[in-house]
Amino acid sequence: MNKVRVATIWLSGCSGCHMSFLDQDEFLLELAKLVHFVYSPLIDVKEFPENVDITIVEGAVGNEEQLELLESARKRTKQLIALGDCAVHGNVTSLRNALKKGDRAVLERAYLELADTTPQLPTDVSPLLKKAYPLNEIVEVDHFIPGCPPPAPLIKYVLTELLAGRKPVMENKAKFG
C-alpha cells in the first residue's frame, strides 16, 4: 500500500497548531502507518517536494520567504489545509497590519525600540510583506481548521476523513478562537 504523502508548514505563528497536531497522542502511531511525512519543521528537508497529497499550513504569510514557500506548496499539493486562526484569518499575526508605517514599523519596534542590546535592524531575515495575510488571500485553500490552537480531536477528525477519501463536514465542529 502506498502511503499518503503529507507535509506540514509553519509560517508566521507561535507553533501552537503544530503542538495540537502532536497532541493527537496514540493516533500519531496509527497515522504513521498511513502517511509518509515528506516536509515539516520537525524533519530536515530543505526544499518542498513534488506530488504531496496533503499539506497542513500553520500561521499567516508574513514575509517573502513564506510567500514563496506557500505558493510552491500550493502548486505541488493536492489538498491544502489552513490550520489555526492565523492561517484561516490572520489572527494575532495580522495585528501588525494596523501599524501605519507597515513592515518598517514592525522591524523598528522589535529591533530598535525594544532591543536589549545595541539596536540594529537585522540584515539576515527575509523581507517582510507590507502586511500579514491569511492563506486564502494568497492561494486556494481546500480545508479550514479554525482555533487558537485547534483542538487535537478536530485535527484528527479532518485527517481521518481525508484519509478515508471523504470531505470533512465542519458544521458544528469548529469555532474561531
N, C-alpha and C. Protein backbone atom coordinates (compact mmCIF):
# COMPACT_ATOMS: atom_id res chain seq x y z
N MET A 1 0.84 -1.19 0.00
CA MET A 1 0.00 0.00 0.00
C MET A 1 0.88 1.25 0.00
N ASN A 2 0.60 2.17 -0.89
CA ASN A 2 1.33 3.44 -0.92
C ASN A 2 0.81 4.35 0.17
N LYS A 3 1.71 4.93 0.90
CA LYS A 3 1.33 5.85 1.95
C LYS A 3 0.99 7.22 1.36
N VAL A 4 0.09 7.93 2.02
CA VAL A 4 -0.28 9.29 1.64
C VAL A 4 0.88 10.20 2.00
N ARG A 5 1.26 11.05 1.05
CA ARG A 5 2.38 11.97 1.26
C ARG A 5 1.86 13.26 1.91
N VAL A 6 2.34 13.54 3.13
CA VAL A 6 1.85 14.67 3.92
C VAL A 6 3.00 15.61 4.25
N ALA A 7 2.70 16.90 4.18
CA ALA A 7 3.65 17.94 4.57
C ALA A 7 2.99 18.84 5.60
N THR A 8 3.80 19.40 6.49
CA THR A 8 3.31 20.44 7.39
C THR A 8 4.25 21.63 7.27
N ILE A 9 3.67 22.82 7.33
CA ILE A 9 4.44 24.06 7.20
C ILE A 9 4.09 24.97 8.36
N TRP A 10 5.09 25.63 8.90
CA TRP A 10 4.91 26.61 9.97
C TRP A 10 5.35 27.96 9.42
N LEU A 11 4.39 28.88 9.25
CA LEU A 11 4.68 30.23 8.77
C LEU A 11 4.74 31.16 9.99
N SER A 12 4.17 32.37 9.87
CA SER A 12 4.20 33.33 10.99
C SER A 12 3.13 32.96 12.00
N GLY A 13 3.57 32.38 13.09
CA GLY A 13 2.68 31.96 14.15
C GLY A 13 3.51 31.50 15.33
N CYS A 14 2.86 30.89 16.29
CA CYS A 14 3.53 30.56 17.55
C CYS A 14 3.92 29.09 17.67
N SER A 15 3.58 28.28 16.72
CA SER A 15 3.78 26.82 16.70
C SER A 15 2.76 26.07 17.53
N GLY A 16 1.79 26.75 18.09
CA GLY A 16 0.75 26.10 18.89
C GLY A 16 -0.06 25.10 18.10
N CYS A 17 -0.26 25.35 16.81
CA CYS A 17 -1.03 24.43 15.98
C CYS A 17 -0.26 23.13 15.76
N HIS A 18 1.05 23.23 15.58
CA HIS A 18 1.86 22.02 15.48
C HIS A 18 1.83 21.25 16.81
N MET A 19 1.79 21.98 17.92
CA MET A 19 1.70 21.31 19.22
C MET A 19 0.37 20.57 19.34
N SER A 20 -0.72 21.17 18.86
CA SER A 20 -2.01 20.49 18.86
C SER A 20 -1.98 19.26 17.95
N PHE A 21 -1.30 19.39 16.83
CA PHE A 21 -1.15 18.23 15.94
C PHE A 21 -0.47 17.09 16.70
N LEU A 22 0.60 17.41 17.44
CA LEU A 22 1.31 16.39 18.21
C LEU A 22 0.49 15.87 19.38
N ASP A 23 -0.49 16.65 19.85
CA ASP A 23 -1.36 16.23 20.96
C ASP A 23 -2.35 15.14 20.57
N GLN A 24 -2.27 14.66 19.35
CA GLN A 24 -3.15 13.56 18.94
C GLN A 24 -2.71 12.24 19.55
N ASP A 25 -1.60 12.27 20.27
CA ASP A 25 -1.11 11.14 21.07
C ASP A 25 -1.06 9.83 20.27
N GLU A 26 -1.78 8.79 20.75
CA GLU A 26 -1.69 7.46 20.13
C GLU A 26 -2.11 7.45 18.67
N PHE A 27 -2.98 8.38 18.28
CA PHE A 27 -3.40 8.43 16.88
C PHE A 27 -2.21 8.67 15.96
N LEU A 28 -1.18 9.32 16.46
CA LEU A 28 0.01 9.55 15.64
C LEU A 28 0.65 8.24 15.22
N LEU A 29 0.57 7.23 16.07
CA LEU A 29 1.10 5.91 15.71
C LEU A 29 0.28 5.28 14.59
N GLU A 30 -1.04 5.42 14.66
CA GLU A 30 -1.91 4.94 13.58
C GLU A 30 -1.64 5.72 12.30
N LEU A 31 -1.50 7.03 12.46
CA LEU A 31 -1.25 7.90 11.32
C LEU A 31 0.06 7.54 10.62
N ALA A 32 1.07 7.19 11.39
CA ALA A 32 2.37 6.83 10.83
C ALA A 32 2.29 5.61 9.92
N LYS A 33 1.30 4.76 10.13
CA LYS A 33 1.11 3.58 9.27
C LYS A 33 0.50 3.97 7.92
N LEU A 34 -0.17 5.12 7.89
CA LEU A 34 -0.92 5.52 6.70
C LEU A 34 -0.25 6.61 5.88
N VAL A 35 0.61 7.42 6.52
CA VAL A 35 1.18 8.57 5.84
C VAL A 35 2.71 8.54 5.89
N HIS A 36 3.28 9.26 4.94
CA HIS A 36 4.73 9.49 4.92
C HIS A 36 4.92 11.00 4.98
N PHE A 37 5.53 11.49 6.06
CA PHE A 37 5.78 12.93 6.18
C PHE A 37 6.97 13.28 5.29
N VAL A 38 6.72 14.12 4.31
CA VAL A 38 7.75 14.45 3.33
C VAL A 38 8.35 15.84 3.54
N TYR A 39 7.71 16.65 4.39
CA TYR A 39 8.20 18.00 4.66
C TYR A 39 7.56 18.47 5.96
N SER A 40 8.36 19.08 6.84
CA SER A 40 7.84 19.56 8.12
C SER A 40 8.95 20.28 8.86
N PRO A 41 8.60 21.20 9.77
CA PRO A 41 9.64 21.78 10.61
C PRO A 41 10.23 20.74 11.57
N LEU A 42 9.58 19.60 11.66
CA LEU A 42 10.04 18.54 12.55
C LEU A 42 11.02 17.58 11.89
N ILE A 43 11.21 17.71 10.57
CA ILE A 43 12.17 16.87 9.86
C ILE A 43 13.09 17.76 9.03
N ASP A 44 14.23 17.24 8.66
CA ASP A 44 15.24 18.04 7.98
C ASP A 44 15.17 17.88 6.46
N VAL A 45 14.22 18.56 5.84
CA VAL A 45 14.08 18.59 4.39
C VAL A 45 14.13 20.06 3.99
N LYS A 46 15.01 20.41 3.10
CA LYS A 46 15.25 21.82 2.76
C LYS A 46 14.30 22.37 1.70
N GLU A 47 13.90 21.55 0.73
CA GLU A 47 13.08 22.04 -0.38
C GLU A 47 11.73 21.32 -0.36
N PHE A 48 10.66 22.08 -0.62
CA PHE A 48 9.33 21.48 -0.62
C PHE A 48 9.24 20.50 -1.79
N PRO A 49 8.81 19.25 -1.53
CA PRO A 49 8.82 18.22 -2.56
C PRO A 49 7.65 18.30 -3.54
N GLU A 50 7.75 17.54 -4.59
CA GLU A 50 6.68 17.39 -5.59
C GLU A 50 5.68 16.35 -5.09
N ASN A 51 4.50 16.35 -5.70
CA ASN A 51 3.49 15.29 -5.51
C ASN A 51 3.11 15.04 -4.05
N VAL A 52 2.75 16.09 -3.35
CA VAL A 52 2.29 15.97 -1.96
C VAL A 52 0.77 15.83 -1.99
N ASP A 53 0.26 14.89 -1.22
CA ASP A 53 -1.19 14.67 -1.19
C ASP A 53 -1.89 15.69 -0.30
N ILE A 54 -1.36 15.91 0.90
CA ILE A 54 -1.99 16.83 1.86
C ILE A 54 -0.91 17.70 2.48
N THR A 55 -1.13 19.02 2.44
CA THR A 55 -0.23 19.94 3.15
C THR A 55 -1.05 20.70 4.19
N ILE A 56 -0.53 20.68 5.41
CA ILE A 56 -1.16 21.35 6.54
C ILE A 56 -0.31 22.58 6.86
N VAL A 57 -0.92 23.77 6.78
CA VAL A 57 -0.16 25.01 6.95
C VAL A 57 -0.65 25.77 8.17
N GLU A 58 0.27 26.06 9.06
CA GLU A 58 0.02 26.86 10.26
C GLU A 58 0.61 28.24 10.06
N GLY A 59 -0.09 29.28 10.53
CA GLY A 59 0.45 30.63 10.52
C GLY A 59 0.00 31.45 9.33
N ALA A 60 0.14 32.75 9.48
CA ALA A 60 -0.16 33.69 8.40
C ALA A 60 1.09 33.88 7.55
N VAL A 61 0.91 34.48 6.39
CA VAL A 61 2.03 34.75 5.49
C VAL A 61 2.56 36.13 5.82
N GLY A 62 3.79 36.20 6.34
CA GLY A 62 4.32 37.47 6.82
C GLY A 62 5.55 37.99 6.10
N ASN A 63 6.26 37.13 5.35
CA ASN A 63 7.45 37.61 4.66
C ASN A 63 7.60 36.95 3.29
N GLU A 64 8.57 37.41 2.53
CA GLU A 64 8.73 36.94 1.15
C GLU A 64 9.08 35.46 1.08
N GLU A 65 9.88 34.98 1.99
CA GLU A 65 10.25 33.56 2.01
C GLU A 65 9.01 32.68 2.24
N GLN A 66 8.15 33.10 3.16
CA GLN A 66 6.92 32.35 3.43
C GLN A 66 5.98 32.39 2.23
N LEU A 67 5.91 33.52 1.58
CA LEU A 67 5.08 33.65 0.39
C LEU A 67 5.52 32.66 -0.69
N GLU A 68 6.81 32.59 -0.93
CA GLU A 68 7.35 31.66 -1.93
C GLU A 68 7.10 30.21 -1.54
N LEU A 69 7.29 29.89 -0.26
CA LEU A 69 7.05 28.52 0.20
C LEU A 69 5.59 28.14 0.03
N LEU A 70 4.67 29.02 0.42
CA LEU A 70 3.25 28.73 0.30
C LEU A 70 2.85 28.53 -1.16
N GLU A 71 3.32 29.41 -2.03
CA GLU A 71 2.98 29.28 -3.46
C GLU A 71 3.54 27.99 -4.04
N SER A 72 4.75 27.62 -3.65
CA SER A 72 5.34 26.36 -4.10
C SER A 72 4.54 25.17 -3.58
N ALA A 73 4.18 25.22 -2.30
CA ALA A 73 3.40 24.14 -1.71
C ALA A 73 2.06 23.98 -2.42
N ARG A 74 1.40 25.09 -2.71
CA ARG A 74 0.10 25.01 -3.38
C ARG A 74 0.22 24.34 -4.75
N LYS A 75 1.26 24.68 -5.48
CA LYS A 75 1.46 24.10 -6.82
C LYS A 75 1.75 22.60 -6.75
N ARG A 76 2.33 22.14 -5.65
CA ARG A 76 2.80 20.76 -5.55
C ARG A 76 1.91 19.89 -4.64
N THR A 77 0.76 20.43 -4.23
CA THR A 77 -0.11 19.75 -3.27
C THR A 77 -1.50 19.55 -3.83
N LYS A 78 -2.06 18.38 -3.56
CA LYS A 78 -3.44 18.10 -3.99
C LYS A 78 -4.45 18.80 -3.09
N GLN A 79 -4.26 18.69 -1.76
CA GLN A 79 -5.19 19.31 -0.81
C GLN A 79 -4.41 20.10 0.21
N LEU A 80 -4.76 21.38 0.34
CA LEU A 80 -4.08 22.27 1.27
C LEU A 80 -5.03 22.64 2.41
N ILE A 81 -4.55 22.49 3.64
CA ILE A 81 -5.35 22.77 4.83
C ILE A 81 -4.78 23.98 5.55
N ALA A 82 -5.63 24.97 5.85
CA ALA A 82 -5.26 26.09 6.71
C ALA A 82 -5.53 25.65 8.15
N LEU A 83 -4.47 25.55 8.96
CA LEU A 83 -4.58 25.05 10.33
C LEU A 83 -4.44 26.20 11.33
N GLY A 84 -5.50 26.49 12.03
CA GLY A 84 -5.47 27.51 13.07
C GLY A 84 -5.89 28.88 12.59
N ASP A 85 -6.22 29.73 13.56
CA ASP A 85 -6.78 31.04 13.24
C ASP A 85 -5.81 31.95 12.48
N CYS A 86 -4.51 31.86 12.71
CA CYS A 86 -3.57 32.69 11.94
C CYS A 86 -3.63 32.34 10.46
N ALA A 87 -3.66 31.05 10.15
CA ALA A 87 -3.73 30.61 8.75
C ALA A 87 -5.11 30.90 8.15
N VAL A 88 -6.15 30.77 8.97
CA VAL A 88 -7.52 30.93 8.49
C VAL A 88 -7.89 32.41 8.26
N HIS A 89 -7.54 33.29 9.22
CA HIS A 89 -7.93 34.70 9.04
C HIS A 89 -6.88 35.72 9.51
N GLY A 90 -5.68 35.30 9.81
CA GLY A 90 -4.62 36.24 10.18
C GLY A 90 -4.36 36.33 11.66
N ASN A 91 -5.42 36.32 12.47
CA ASN A 91 -5.35 36.32 13.93
C ASN A 91 -4.28 37.27 14.48
N VAL A 92 -3.53 36.85 15.47
CA VAL A 92 -2.57 37.71 16.16
C VAL A 92 -1.50 38.23 15.20
N THR A 93 -1.07 37.40 14.28
CA THR A 93 -0.02 37.81 13.33
C THR A 93 -0.43 39.04 12.54
N SER A 94 -1.70 39.16 12.22
CA SER A 94 -2.15 40.29 11.40
C SER A 94 -2.38 41.57 12.20
N LEU A 95 -2.16 41.54 13.51
CA LEU A 95 -2.28 42.77 14.29
C LEU A 95 -1.31 43.84 13.79
N ARG A 96 -0.19 43.41 13.24
CA ARG A 96 0.78 44.38 12.71
C ARG A 96 0.21 45.17 11.54
N ASN A 97 -0.85 44.67 10.91
CA ASN A 97 -1.44 45.36 9.76
C ASN A 97 -2.00 46.73 10.13
N ALA A 98 -2.29 46.95 11.40
CA ALA A 98 -2.84 48.22 11.86
C ALA A 98 -1.79 49.32 11.97
N LEU A 99 -0.51 48.94 11.97
CA LEU A 99 0.55 49.95 12.06
C LEU A 99 0.59 50.78 10.78
N LYS A 100 0.62 52.07 10.94
CA LYS A 100 0.55 52.96 9.79
C LYS A 100 1.79 52.88 8.88
N LYS A 101 2.96 52.59 9.47
CA LYS A 101 4.18 52.54 8.66
C LYS A 101 4.46 51.14 8.11
N GLY A 102 3.55 50.19 8.36
CA GLY A 102 3.66 48.86 7.79
C GLY A 102 4.86 48.07 8.25
N ASP A 103 5.50 47.38 7.31
CA ASP A 103 6.57 46.44 7.63
C ASP A 103 7.75 47.11 8.33
N ARG A 104 8.09 48.31 7.94
CA ARG A 104 9.22 49.03 8.55
C ARG A 104 8.96 49.28 10.05
N ALA A 105 7.72 49.63 10.39
CA ALA A 105 7.37 49.90 11.79
C ALA A 105 7.52 48.65 12.65
N VAL A 106 7.20 47.48 12.09
CA VAL A 106 7.35 46.23 12.83
C VAL A 106 8.81 45.99 13.17
N LEU A 107 9.68 46.14 12.18
CA LEU A 107 11.11 45.92 12.41
C LEU A 107 11.69 46.94 13.38
N GLU A 108 11.31 48.19 13.24
CA GLU A 108 11.83 49.22 14.15
C GLU A 108 11.40 48.95 15.59
N ARG A 109 10.15 48.57 15.78
CA ARG A 109 9.65 48.28 17.13
C ARG A 109 10.41 47.10 17.75
N ALA A 110 10.57 46.03 16.99
CA ALA A 110 11.19 44.82 17.52
C ALA A 110 12.69 44.94 17.71
N TYR A 111 13.37 45.58 16.76
CA TYR A 111 14.83 45.56 16.78
C TYR A 111 15.49 46.86 17.24
N LEU A 112 14.74 47.96 17.27
CA LEU A 112 15.33 49.22 17.72
C LEU A 112 14.75 49.66 19.06
N GLU A 113 13.42 49.80 19.12
CA GLU A 113 12.78 50.31 20.33
C GLU A 113 12.85 49.33 21.50
N LEU A 114 12.73 48.03 21.25
CA LEU A 114 12.67 47.05 22.33
C LEU A 114 13.97 46.25 22.48
N ALA A 115 15.01 46.67 21.83
CA ALA A 115 16.27 45.92 21.83
C ALA A 115 16.92 45.91 23.21
N ASP A 116 17.39 44.74 23.62
CA ASP A 116 18.13 44.59 24.88
C ASP A 116 19.60 44.92 24.70
N THR A 117 20.05 44.84 23.48
CA THR A 117 21.47 45.10 23.19
C THR A 117 21.55 46.32 22.29
N THR A 118 22.65 46.49 21.62
CA THR A 118 22.81 47.61 20.70
C THR A 118 21.75 47.53 19.61
N PRO A 119 20.89 48.52 19.50
CA PRO A 119 19.84 48.50 18.49
C PRO A 119 20.42 48.43 17.08
N GLN A 120 19.90 47.47 16.31
CA GLN A 120 20.36 47.30 14.94
C GLN A 120 19.30 46.53 14.16
N LEU A 121 18.93 47.02 12.99
CA LEU A 121 17.97 46.30 12.16
C LEU A 121 18.64 45.06 11.59
N PRO A 122 17.92 43.94 11.52
CA PRO A 122 18.52 42.71 11.02
C PRO A 122 18.78 42.79 9.52
N THR A 123 19.81 42.10 9.09
CA THR A 123 20.13 42.05 7.66
C THR A 123 19.97 40.63 7.12
N ASP A 124 19.72 39.68 8.00
CA ASP A 124 19.69 38.28 7.60
C ASP A 124 18.30 37.65 7.68
N VAL A 125 17.25 38.46 7.69
CA VAL A 125 15.89 37.92 7.72
C VAL A 125 15.22 38.22 6.38
N SER A 126 14.27 37.37 6.04
CA SER A 126 13.51 37.57 4.81
C SER A 126 12.72 38.88 4.92
N PRO A 127 12.70 39.67 3.86
CA PRO A 127 11.94 40.93 3.90
C PRO A 127 10.47 40.69 4.23
N LEU A 128 9.95 41.50 5.14
CA LEU A 128 8.54 41.41 5.50
C LEU A 128 7.67 41.88 4.34
N LEU A 129 6.49 41.29 4.23
CA LEU A 129 5.48 41.80 3.31
C LEU A 129 4.88 43.05 3.95
N LYS A 130 4.21 43.87 3.18
CA LYS A 130 3.61 45.10 3.72
C LYS A 130 2.59 44.80 4.82
N LYS A 131 1.98 43.62 4.76
CA LYS A 131 1.05 43.18 5.80
C LYS A 131 1.11 41.67 5.90
N ALA A 132 0.52 41.12 6.95
CA ALA A 132 0.40 39.67 7.11
C ALA A 132 -0.92 39.21 6.50
N TYR A 133 -0.90 38.08 5.82
CA TYR A 133 -2.08 37.60 5.09
C TYR A 133 -2.51 36.22 5.57
N PRO A 134 -3.84 36.00 5.67
CA PRO A 134 -4.30 34.63 5.84
C PRO A 134 -4.05 33.88 4.53
N LEU A 135 -3.96 32.57 4.59
CA LEU A 135 -3.59 31.79 3.41
C LEU A 135 -4.49 32.02 2.21
N ASN A 136 -5.80 32.08 2.45
CA ASN A 136 -6.73 32.17 1.32
C ASN A 136 -6.66 33.49 0.56
N GLU A 137 -5.93 34.47 1.08
CA GLU A 137 -5.72 35.70 0.33
C GLU A 137 -4.53 35.57 -0.63
N ILE A 138 -3.81 34.46 -0.52
CA ILE A 138 -2.65 34.22 -1.37
C ILE A 138 -2.89 33.05 -2.32
N VAL A 139 -3.41 31.93 -1.79
CA VAL A 139 -3.62 30.72 -2.58
C VAL A 139 -5.00 30.14 -2.29
N GLU A 140 -5.39 29.18 -3.11
CA GLU A 140 -6.64 28.45 -2.86
C GLU A 140 -6.42 27.49 -1.70
N VAL A 141 -7.35 27.50 -0.76
CA VAL A 141 -7.31 26.61 0.40
C VAL A 141 -8.48 25.64 0.28
N ASP A 142 -8.19 24.35 0.47
CA ASP A 142 -9.22 23.32 0.33
C ASP A 142 -10.01 23.07 1.61
N HIS A 143 -9.34 23.19 2.76
CA HIS A 143 -9.99 22.91 4.04
C HIS A 143 -9.48 23.89 5.09
N PHE A 144 -10.37 24.28 5.99
CA PHE A 144 -10.03 25.21 7.07
C PHE A 144 -10.29 24.54 8.41
N ILE A 145 -9.28 24.60 9.30
CA ILE A 145 -9.45 24.10 10.66
C ILE A 145 -9.18 25.28 11.60
N PRO A 146 -10.24 26.00 12.03
CA PRO A 146 -10.03 27.15 12.90
C PRO A 146 -9.71 26.73 14.33
N GLY A 147 -9.30 27.72 15.11
CA GLY A 147 -8.99 27.51 16.52
C GLY A 147 -7.63 28.09 16.85
N CYS A 148 -7.46 28.47 18.09
CA CYS A 148 -6.19 29.07 18.52
C CYS A 148 -5.77 28.44 19.85
N PRO A 149 -5.14 27.28 19.74
CA PRO A 149 -4.98 26.43 18.56
C PRO A 149 -6.20 25.53 18.38
N PRO A 150 -6.31 24.89 17.22
CA PRO A 150 -7.41 23.94 17.04
C PRO A 150 -7.22 22.74 17.97
N PRO A 151 -8.30 22.18 18.49
CA PRO A 151 -8.15 21.02 19.37
C PRO A 151 -7.69 19.79 18.58
N ALA A 152 -6.88 18.97 19.21
CA ALA A 152 -6.35 17.77 18.57
C ALA A 152 -7.44 16.86 18.00
N PRO A 153 -8.57 16.66 18.70
CA PRO A 153 -9.62 15.80 18.13
C PRO A 153 -10.19 16.35 16.80
N LEU A 154 -10.21 17.66 16.65
CA LEU A 154 -10.70 18.23 15.40
C LEU A 154 -9.70 17.98 14.27
N ILE A 155 -8.42 18.12 14.56
CA ILE A 155 -7.38 17.82 13.56
C ILE A 155 -7.48 16.35 13.17
N LYS A 156 -7.63 15.49 14.15
CA LYS A 156 -7.77 14.05 13.89
C LYS A 156 -8.98 13.78 13.01
N TYR A 157 -10.11 14.42 13.32
CA TYR A 157 -11.33 14.23 12.51
C TYR A 157 -11.07 14.58 11.05
N VAL A 158 -10.49 15.74 10.81
CA VAL A 158 -10.25 16.17 9.43
C VAL A 158 -9.31 15.20 8.72
N LEU A 159 -8.23 14.83 9.37
CA LEU A 159 -7.28 13.89 8.74
C LEU A 159 -7.92 12.53 8.48
N THR A 160 -8.69 12.04 9.44
CA THR A 160 -9.36 10.75 9.28
C THR A 160 -10.31 10.78 8.08
N GLU A 161 -11.06 11.86 7.96
CA GLU A 161 -11.98 11.99 6.83
C GLU A 161 -11.23 12.04 5.50
N LEU A 162 -10.19 12.85 5.43
CA LEU A 162 -9.43 12.96 4.18
C LEU A 162 -8.77 11.65 3.81
N LEU A 163 -8.20 10.96 4.79
CA LEU A 163 -7.54 9.69 4.51
C LEU A 163 -8.53 8.61 4.07
N ALA A 164 -9.79 8.75 4.47
CA ALA A 164 -10.84 7.82 4.06
C ALA A 164 -11.46 8.23 2.73
N GLY A 165 -10.97 9.34 2.15
CA GLY A 165 -11.50 9.80 0.86
C GLY A 165 -12.77 10.62 0.96
N ARG A 166 -13.08 11.09 2.15
CA ARG A 166 -14.28 11.89 2.36
C ARG A 166 -13.93 13.36 2.60
N LYS A 167 -14.87 14.24 2.32
CA LYS A 167 -14.70 15.65 2.62
C LYS A 167 -15.19 15.90 4.04
N PRO A 168 -14.33 16.49 4.90
CA PRO A 168 -14.76 16.76 6.28
C PRO A 168 -15.91 17.77 6.31
N VAL A 169 -16.91 17.50 7.13
CA VAL A 169 -18.03 18.41 7.33
C VAL A 169 -17.75 19.15 8.64
N MET A 170 -17.49 20.45 8.51
CA MET A 170 -17.04 21.22 9.69
C MET A 170 -18.18 21.88 10.46
N GLU A 171 -19.39 21.85 9.90
CA GLU A 171 -20.53 22.48 10.55
C GLU A 171 -20.70 21.93 11.96
N ASN A 172 -20.80 22.81 12.94
CA ASN A 172 -20.97 22.48 14.36
C ASN A 172 -19.79 21.72 14.97
N LYS A 173 -18.64 21.72 14.31
CA LYS A 173 -17.48 21.02 14.84
C LYS A 173 -16.37 21.99 15.24
N ALA A 174 -16.40 23.21 14.74
CA ALA A 174 -15.29 24.13 14.97
C ALA A 174 -15.79 25.53 15.27
N LYS A 175 -14.92 26.29 15.93
CA LYS A 175 -15.21 27.70 16.18
C LYS A 175 -13.89 28.45 16.14
N PHE A 176 -13.97 29.75 15.94
CA PHE A 176 -12.77 30.58 15.93
C PHE A 176 -12.37 30.90 17.37
N GLY A 177 -11.05 30.99 17.58
CA GLY A 177 -10.54 31.43 18.88
C GLY A 177 -10.32 30.35 19.88
